[in-house]
Protein backbone atom coordinates (compact mmCIF):
# COMPACT_ATOMS: atom_id res chain seq x y z
CA MET A 1 100.21 56.57 203.69
CA THR A 2 103.17 56.68 201.69
CA HIS A 3 104.19 59.97 204.10
CA SER A 4 103.48 58.03 207.02
CA LEU A 5 105.90 55.18 205.83
CA ASN A 6 108.63 57.63 205.47
CA ILE A 7 108.26 59.59 208.69
CA ILE A 8 111.61 59.29 210.81
CA ASN A 9 110.31 57.12 213.67
CA ARG A 10 112.86 56.60 216.42
CA TRP A 11 111.99 55.30 219.47
CA ALA A 12 108.48 55.55 219.21
CA ASP A 13 106.38 54.10 221.52
CA PRO A 14 105.20 50.94 220.05
CA PHE A 15 101.48 50.93 221.10
CA ILE A 16 100.98 54.55 219.87
CA ALA A 17 102.60 53.61 216.11
CA LEU A 18 100.65 50.24 216.12
CA ALA A 19 97.52 51.80 216.71
CA ILE A 20 98.41 54.51 213.56
CA ALA A 21 98.70 50.77 211.63
CA SER A 22 95.92 49.74 212.74
CA THR A 23 93.88 52.22 210.80
CA THR A 24 95.51 51.55 207.29
CA THR A 25 95.38 48.03 207.52
CA LYS A 26 92.73 44.93 207.91
CA ARG A 27 94.48 41.45 208.09
CA LEU A 28 97.99 42.34 209.09
CA LYS A 29 99.51 41.36 212.93
CA LEU A 30 100.13 43.92 215.18
CA ALA A 31 103.17 42.95 216.59
CA THR A 32 105.97 44.03 219.47
CA GLY A 33 109.30 42.52 218.73
CA VAL A 34 110.11 42.91 221.24
CA CYS A 35 108.47 44.88 224.71
CA LEU A 36 110.26 45.13 227.87
CA LEU A 37 107.71 44.71 229.89
CA PRO A 38 109.52 44.88 233.20
CA GLU A 39 110.38 48.53 232.22
CA ARG A 40 106.11 49.09 232.15
CA ASP A 41 103.52 49.60 234.69
CA THR A 42 101.16 46.00 234.37
CA LEU A 43 98.25 47.57 234.85
CA VAL A 44 98.16 50.15 232.56
CA THR A 45 99.77 48.75 229.91
CA ALA A 46 97.35 45.77 230.29
CA LYS A 47 94.98 48.68 229.49
CA VAL A 48 96.84 49.94 226.43
CA ILE A 49 97.25 46.34 224.57
CA ALA A 50 93.40 45.24 225.44
CA SER A 51 92.51 48.51 223.72
CA LEU A 52 94.33 48.11 221.02
CA ASP A 53 93.81 44.19 220.20
CA MET A 54 89.98 45.60 221.00
CA TYR A 55 89.96 48.37 218.51
CA SER A 56 92.39 45.62 215.90
CA GLY A 57 89.48 43.47 215.81
CA GLY A 58 92.19 40.96 217.49
CA ARG A 59 95.40 41.55 215.74
CA VAL A 60 97.41 42.14 218.40
CA LEU A 61 100.55 39.81 218.62
CA LEU A 62 103.25 40.78 221.32
CA GLY A 63 106.76 40.05 221.16
CA VAL A 64 108.56 40.37 224.95
CA GLY A 65 111.87 40.02 226.63
CA GLY A 66 113.56 40.93 229.97
CA GLY A 67 115.83 43.82 228.94
CA TRP A 68 119.24 43.76 229.26
CA VAL A 69 120.82 46.97 229.98
CA GLN A 70 121.23 47.55 233.67
CA GLU A 71 120.83 51.24 234.38
CA GLU A 72 117.95 51.57 231.33
CA THR A 73 115.89 48.49 233.38
CA GLU A 74 116.09 49.88 237.27
CA LEU A 75 115.65 53.78 236.20
CA MET A 76 112.24 52.25 235.27
CA GLY A 77 111.93 50.93 238.71
CA THR A 78 112.71 47.04 238.16
CA LYS A 79 115.98 45.58 239.65
CA PHE A 80 118.18 44.27 237.04
CA HIS A 81 118.33 40.97 238.74
CA LEU A 82 115.04 40.45 239.25
CA ARG A 83 113.52 41.53 235.77
CA TRP A 84 112.93 37.69 234.69
CA LYS A 85 110.69 37.19 237.75
CA ARG A 86 109.19 40.53 237.36
CA LEU A 87 108.37 39.81 233.61
CA GLN A 88 106.48 36.45 234.64
CA GLU A 89 104.30 38.09 237.00
CA THR A 90 103.24 40.94 234.65
CA VAL A 91 102.56 38.14 232.31
CA GLU A 92 100.73 36.14 234.48
CA ALA A 93 98.62 39.37 235.89
CA MET A 94 98.02 40.51 232.27
CA ARG A 95 96.47 37.47 231.38
CA ILE A 96 94.02 37.64 234.24
CA LEU A 97 93.56 40.99 234.00
CA TRP A 98 92.09 40.87 230.05
CA THR A 99 89.69 37.28 230.70
CA GLN A 100 88.75 37.79 234.48
CA PRO A 101 85.33 40.63 235.20
CA LYS A 102 87.16 41.52 239.03
CA PRO A 103 91.08 40.38 238.37
CA SER A 104 93.23 40.81 241.16
CA TYR A 105 97.03 39.32 241.62
CA GLN A 106 99.07 39.24 244.63
CA GLY A 107 102.94 37.96 242.90
CA LYS A 108 106.16 39.42 244.77
CA LEU A 109 106.71 42.00 242.61
CA VAL A 110 103.27 42.82 240.93
CA GLN A 111 100.62 42.86 243.35
CA PHE A 112 97.18 44.78 243.12
CA PRO A 113 93.75 43.74 244.35
CA PRO A 114 90.66 42.93 242.84
CA VAL A 115 90.28 46.20 240.02
CA TYR A 116 88.04 46.83 237.18
CA CYS A 117 90.06 46.53 234.18
CA ASP A 118 88.22 47.41 230.24
CA PRO A 119 87.58 47.03 227.36
CA LYS A 120 88.66 43.16 227.04
CA PRO A 121 90.55 42.32 224.10
CA ALA A 122 88.99 41.09 221.38
CA GLN A 123 90.96 37.66 221.11
CA LYS A 124 89.51 35.69 224.09
CA SER A 125 92.49 34.69 225.90
CA GLY A 126 94.26 37.48 225.21
CA PRO A 127 96.67 38.37 222.64
CA PRO A 128 99.47 35.51 222.16
CA ILE A 129 103.02 36.22 224.33
CA LEU A 130 105.94 35.48 222.68
CA LEU A 131 109.46 35.51 224.01
CA GLY A 132 112.71 36.45 223.04
CA GLY A 133 115.97 35.07 223.72
CA HIS A 134 118.28 32.03 223.66
CA THR A 135 119.76 30.74 226.63
CA PRO A 136 118.88 27.77 228.27
CA LYS A 137 116.78 29.25 230.65
CA ALA A 138 114.92 31.64 227.95
CA LEU A 139 113.84 28.35 226.12
CA VAL A 140 112.56 26.72 229.67
CA ARG A 141 110.60 30.06 230.20
CA VAL A 142 108.82 29.39 226.82
CA ALA A 143 108.18 26.21 227.57
CA ARG A 144 106.82 26.66 230.17
CA THR A 145 104.27 30.06 230.43
CA TYR A 146 104.83 31.78 227.03
CA ASP A 147 102.23 31.16 223.47
CA GLY A 148 105.81 31.17 221.12
CA TRP A 149 108.69 32.31 220.56
CA CYS A 150 110.77 34.87 218.50
CA PRO A 151 114.46 34.99 218.90
CA LEU A 152 116.85 36.86 216.66
CA THR A 153 118.20 34.16 214.78
CA ASN A 154 120.20 33.08 211.11
CA ASP A 155 121.12 29.58 211.42
CA PRO A 156 118.06 27.43 210.28
CA ALA A 157 119.84 24.41 212.34
CA ASP A 158 120.62 26.14 215.61
CA TYR A 159 116.91 27.22 215.15
CA LYS A 160 115.64 23.91 214.99
CA LYS A 161 117.63 22.26 217.64
CA LYS A 162 115.98 25.07 219.99
CA VAL A 163 112.74 24.28 218.85
CA ALA A 164 113.10 20.48 219.82
CA ILE A 165 114.23 21.85 223.15
CA ILE A 166 111.39 23.95 223.84
CA ARG A 167 108.33 21.06 222.57
CA GLN A 168 110.67 18.29 224.44
CA LYS A 169 110.50 20.67 227.59
CA ALA A 170 106.85 22.17 227.13
CA THR A 171 105.41 18.37 226.82
CA GLU A 172 107.61 17.82 230.36
CA ALA A 173 105.60 20.84 231.78
CA GLY A 174 101.81 19.37 230.85
CA ARG A 175 101.28 21.71 227.87
CA ASN A 176 100.69 20.94 224.30
CA PRO A 177 103.89 21.91 222.19
CA ASP A 178 101.89 21.86 218.95
CA ALA A 179 100.09 25.07 220.38
CA LEU A 180 103.11 27.00 220.63
CA GLN A 181 103.77 29.71 217.42
CA MET A 182 107.66 30.01 216.16
CA THR A 183 108.76 32.87 214.88
CA ALA A 184 112.38 33.81 213.39
CA LEU A 185 113.37 37.24 213.36
CA VAL A 186 115.99 37.22 210.18
CA ASP A 187 118.36 39.19 209.02
CA PRO A 188 117.08 40.04 204.94
CA GLN A 189 120.21 40.06 204.02
CA ASN A 190 119.21 43.32 202.27
CA GLY A 191 116.99 41.28 199.76
CA ALA A 192 119.35 38.36 199.47
CA LEU A 193 117.75 36.23 202.01
CA SER A 194 117.92 32.57 199.95
CA ALA A 195 114.43 30.40 199.23
CA ASP A 196 116.72 27.95 200.87
CA THR A 197 117.11 29.36 204.16
CA LEU A 198 113.53 30.50 204.13
CA LYS A 199 113.13 26.68 203.24
CA ALA A 200 115.35 25.51 205.89
CA PHE A 201 113.17 27.65 208.55
CA ARG A 202 109.89 26.46 207.73
CA GLU A 203 111.19 22.86 208.19
CA ALA A 204 112.67 23.89 211.43
CA SER A 205 109.45 24.47 212.69
CA ALA A 206 108.96 28.70 212.52
CA SER A 207 105.62 29.81 211.18
CA ARG A 208 106.57 33.35 210.79
CA ILE A 209 109.87 34.95 209.62
CA VAL A 210 110.10 38.45 210.96
CA PHE A 211 113.01 40.67 208.69
CA PHE A 212 115.19 42.06 211.22
CA SER A 213 118.75 43.42 211.47
CA GLN A 214 120.06 46.78 212.95
CA PRO A 215 120.70 47.96 209.70
CA PHE A 216 117.49 47.10 208.44
CA LEU A 217 115.67 49.14 211.55
CA GLN A 218 118.08 51.90 211.69
CA GLU A 219 117.24 52.38 207.90
CA ILE A 220 113.26 52.22 208.16
CA ALA A 221 113.80 54.40 211.66
CA THR A 222 115.34 57.24 210.10
CA GLY A 223 112.62 57.83 207.24
CA ASN A 224 113.29 55.44 204.59
CA ALA A 225 110.88 52.76 205.11
CA LEU A 226 109.64 52.75 201.03
CA ALA A 227 113.28 51.73 199.96
CA ALA A 228 113.68 49.31 202.75
CA ILE A 229 110.30 47.58 201.86
CA ASP A 230 110.69 47.61 197.70
CA ARG A 231 114.66 46.20 198.33
CA VAL A 232 113.61 42.84 200.89
CA ALA A 233 109.97 42.46 198.71
CA PRO A 234 111.67 39.33 196.47
CA ILE A 235 112.28 37.63 199.63
CA LEU A 236 108.34 37.65 199.18
CA GLU A 237 108.24 35.87 195.95
CA ARG A 238 110.54 33.67 196.55
CA ALA A 239 108.60 32.57 199.86
CA GLN A 240 105.70 32.32 197.98
CA LYS A 241 106.66 29.61 195.52
CA LEU A 242 107.88 27.39 198.18
């Protein structure tokens, strides 16, 4: 386990990496943060995710996004200005693939006739799908389509304001705002993230905090995961006392 934590893993495929993690853990969620679905084939990706969820006992949690690099998005087959439409249709199609015995989907960008897509995920309706993003349009998308929100944020007050917008828009769309999962991807500040900040995010409706910053991820990706984890461990101790 020590060796596996310290390998260089920059740009590893997320679902292969999560499959490996699933074999050495029993309770941890297996999450992406974020997976750019417009850059992936819908049928293949749905099957990969369902297989991971089945083998892990229903522990998959998907953070997804539309992408932000035009050259990358278009190299993988989606016109940049259509990425959000492709993302929405991919999410809709995957939910059908995960829940129906002979699913089909006819969108503008994602289309397939009745097919078999097995195995089905362990989670009855499929893994929860959370959207990243901060713009007003992103908040509306969360409220109308997704199972929750997973933005990069270091400002609890701003986070609280945007959660309120999502909840209002979800109610207007006829959805239950209490069913949405609110995650915050927060800079651990090299282990100095304070108990007051943790409390502020909790009071802002964050049910989950994920440690995220470019230097933190860079250190993990280049083979120093154990040192990085040891440095942020005190934050968990602070959180347990809240």
